[in-house]
Amino acid sequence: MKIILTNEVSGLGAAGDVVDVKDGYARNYLIPRSFAIRWTKGGEKDVEQIRRARRIREIATLEQANEIKAQLENVKVKLATRAGEAGRLFGSVTPADIASAIKEAGGPAVDKRRVAVVSPIKTVGSHQVTVNLHPEVSAKLDVEVVAA
């Protein structure tokens, strides 16, 4: 099935790309979660609009990505969440939580889709996350999770 991606999907492509995938993957995963729309001749017009929006959001140059990386590595991110007595969190810390904590700590605005958490953060303490700024540049960031 031919689809148009509306969001970046790892291993598949970026927003605005037209890709062929198996029917079940498109019908059961990509389309219901609004990661993609079906390709049609009319939908082809939407591709340029999606690509234009992606270019606005995207970090354009390698120099700009390196500047943001330097800013991120100087920011101390502290995130207060509800936790039990043993240090286990009620739920987990999401990439959206981390992105908002970076902004509150005085760092640059980061899209939550750029924040990569290797394993779910479910305990109090210091955790390392990666922020993918550019295909060639990623920043490692320490997030301190404390009980609220």
Protein backbone atom coordinates (compact mmCIF):
# COMPACT_ATOMS: atom_id res chain seq x y z
CA MET A 1 0.00 0.00 0.00
CA LYS A 2 1.27 3.45 -0.85
CA ILE A 3 1.05 5.97 2.00
CA ILE A 4 2.14 9.53 2.80
CA LEU A 5 3.87 9.92 6.16
CA THR A 6 2.57 12.79 8.29
CA ASN A 7 5.10 12.27 11.12
CA GLU A 8 8.61 10.90 11.30
CA VAL A 9 8.62 7.12 11.70
CA SER A 10 11.97 5.58 12.61
CA GLY A 11 13.15 3.06 10.04
CA LEU A 12 10.59 4.21 7.50
CA GLY A 13 10.97 7.89 6.68
CA ALA A 14 10.22 11.49 7.55
CA ALA A 15 7.07 13.56 7.27
CA GLY A 16 6.06 14.13 3.66
CA ASP A 17 7.71 10.99 2.29
CA VAL A 18 5.68 8.67 0.08
CA VAL A 19 6.49 5.04 0.92
CA ASP A 20 5.22 1.54 0.18
CA VAL A 21 4.40 -0.60 3.21
CA LYS A 22 2.46 -3.78 3.85
CA ASP A 23 -1.30 -3.31 4.00
CA GLY A 24 -1.69 -4.50 7.59
CA TYR A 25 1.07 -2.23 8.90
CA ALA A 26 -0.61 0.77 7.29
CA ARG A 27 -4.20 -0.12 8.25
CA ASN A 28 -3.54 -1.30 11.80
CA TYR A 29 -0.69 0.92 12.98
CA LEU A 30 0.28 3.93 10.86
CA ILE A 31 -3.11 5.29 9.79
CA PRO A 32 -4.97 4.88 13.14
CA ARG A 33 -2.16 6.64 15.02
CA SER A 34 -2.09 9.48 12.45
CA PHE A 35 1.48 8.72 11.41
CA ALA A 36 0.32 8.41 7.78
CA ILE A 37 -2.52 8.94 5.34
CA ARG A 38 -3.44 6.92 2.27
CA TRP A 39 -1.83 8.04 -0.94
CA THR A 40 -4.22 9.46 -3.51
CA LYS A 41 -3.79 11.84 -6.40
CA GLY A 42 -5.52 14.50 -4.31
CA GLY A 43 -3.35 13.65 -1.32
CA GLU A 44 -0.25 14.28 -3.39
CA LYS A 45 -1.03 18.02 -3.03
CA ASP A 46 -0.77 17.65 0.75
CA VAL A 47 2.77 16.31 0.46
CA GLU A 48 4.25 19.71 -0.36
CA GLN A 49 2.42 21.32 2.56
CA ILE A 50 3.68 18.61 4.95
CA ARG A 51 7.24 19.01 3.67
CA ARG A 52 7.05 22.80 4.04
CA ALA A 53 5.93 22.44 7.68
CA ARG A 54 8.74 19.93 8.29
CA ARG A 55 11.35 22.35 6.91
CA ILE A 56 10.12 25.07 9.28
CA ARG A 57 10.36 22.77 12.33
CA GLU A 58 13.61 21.15 11.28
CA ILE A 59 17.04 22.30 12.35
CA ALA A 60 18.45 23.39 9.02
CA THR A 61 22.22 23.38 9.30
CA LEU A 62 24.90 21.41 11.06
CA GLU A 63 26.21 24.60 12.68
CA GLN A 64 22.80 25.38 14.16
CA ALA A 65 22.55 21.81 15.49
CA ASN A 66 25.97 22.11 17.14
CA GLU A 67 24.94 25.40 18.80
CA ILE A 68 21.81 23.81 20.23
CA LYS A 69 23.86 20.79 21.35
CA ALA A 70 26.19 23.08 23.30
CA GLN A 71 23.21 24.80 24.94
CA LEU A 72 21.62 21.46 25.88
CA GLU A 73 24.78 20.07 27.43
CA ASN A 74 25.05 23.12 29.72
CA VAL A 75 21.47 22.81 31.03
CA LYS A 76 20.78 21.03 34.33
CA VAL A 77 17.41 19.33 33.96
CA LYS A 78 15.55 18.43 37.14
CA LEU A 79 12.16 16.77 36.88
CA ALA A 80 9.87 16.38 39.90
CA THR A 81 7.36 13.53 39.67
CA ARG A 82 5.25 11.51 42.09
CA ALA A 83 7.11 8.55 43.54
CA GLY A 84 6.59 5.89 46.18
CA GLU A 85 8.72 5.27 49.26
CA ALA A 86 11.10 2.90 47.48
CA GLY A 87 11.89 5.43 44.75
CA ARG A 88 9.62 3.89 42.11
CA LEU A 89 7.59 6.36 40.08
CA PHE A 90 3.84 6.22 39.64
CA GLY A 91 3.97 5.76 35.85
CA SER A 92 7.06 6.78 33.92
CA VAL A 93 8.77 9.87 32.54
CA THR A 94 7.84 10.48 28.90
CA PRO A 95 9.79 12.32 26.19
CA ALA A 96 7.16 15.09 26.37
CA ASP A 97 7.90 15.53 30.09
CA ILE A 98 11.61 15.76 29.34
CA ALA A 99 11.09 18.29 26.53
CA SER A 100 9.01 20.55 28.78
CA ALA A 101 11.55 20.21 31.63
CA ILE A 102 14.35 21.31 29.27
CA LYS A 103 12.39 24.43 28.36
CA GLU A 104 11.59 25.18 32.03
CA ALA A 105 15.29 24.81 32.93
CA GLY A 106 16.15 27.59 30.47
CA GLY A 107 17.22 25.41 27.57
CA PRO A 108 16.14 25.65 23.94
CA ALA A 109 12.72 24.42 22.82
CA VAL A 110 13.06 20.78 21.80
CA ASP A 111 10.46 18.74 19.93
CA LYS A 112 9.34 15.75 21.99
CA ARG A 113 9.83 13.47 18.98
CA ARG A 114 13.55 14.28 19.03
CA VAL A 115 14.00 13.00 22.61
CA ALA A 116 15.08 9.35 22.69
CA VAL A 117 14.75 7.45 25.96
CA VAL A 118 16.61 4.12 25.77
CA SER A 119 14.68 2.38 28.54
CA PRO A 120 11.59 3.70 30.33
CA ILE A 121 12.44 5.97 33.26
CA LYS A 122 10.57 4.50 36.23
CA THR A 123 12.86 5.28 39.16
CA VAL A 124 14.15 8.34 40.98
CA GLY A 125 17.74 9.28 40.19
CA SER A 126 19.94 10.44 37.33
CA HIS A 127 19.15 9.12 33.85
CA GLN A 128 20.79 9.80 30.52
CA VAL A 129 18.69 10.59 27.43
CA THR A 130 19.63 11.44 23.87
CA VAL A 131 18.24 14.35 21.87
CA ASN A 132 18.56 13.79 18.11
CA LEU A 133 19.01 17.27 16.67
CA HIS A 134 20.26 16.45 13.18
CA PRO A 135 21.09 13.20 11.38
CA GLU A 136 24.74 13.78 12.28
CA VAL A 137 24.36 15.53 15.67
CA SER A 138 22.85 14.21 18.88
CA ALA A 139 23.21 15.56 22.39
CA LYS A 140 23.45 13.44 25.53
CA LEU A 141 21.63 14.94 28.46
CA ASP A 142 21.46 13.98 32.13
CA VAL A 143 17.97 14.21 33.63
CA GLU A 144 17.67 14.22 37.40
CA VAL A 145 14.35 12.72 38.47
CA VAL A 146 13.31 13.64 42.02
CA ALA A 147 10.26 12.75 44.10
CA ALA A 148 7.68 15.51 44.33
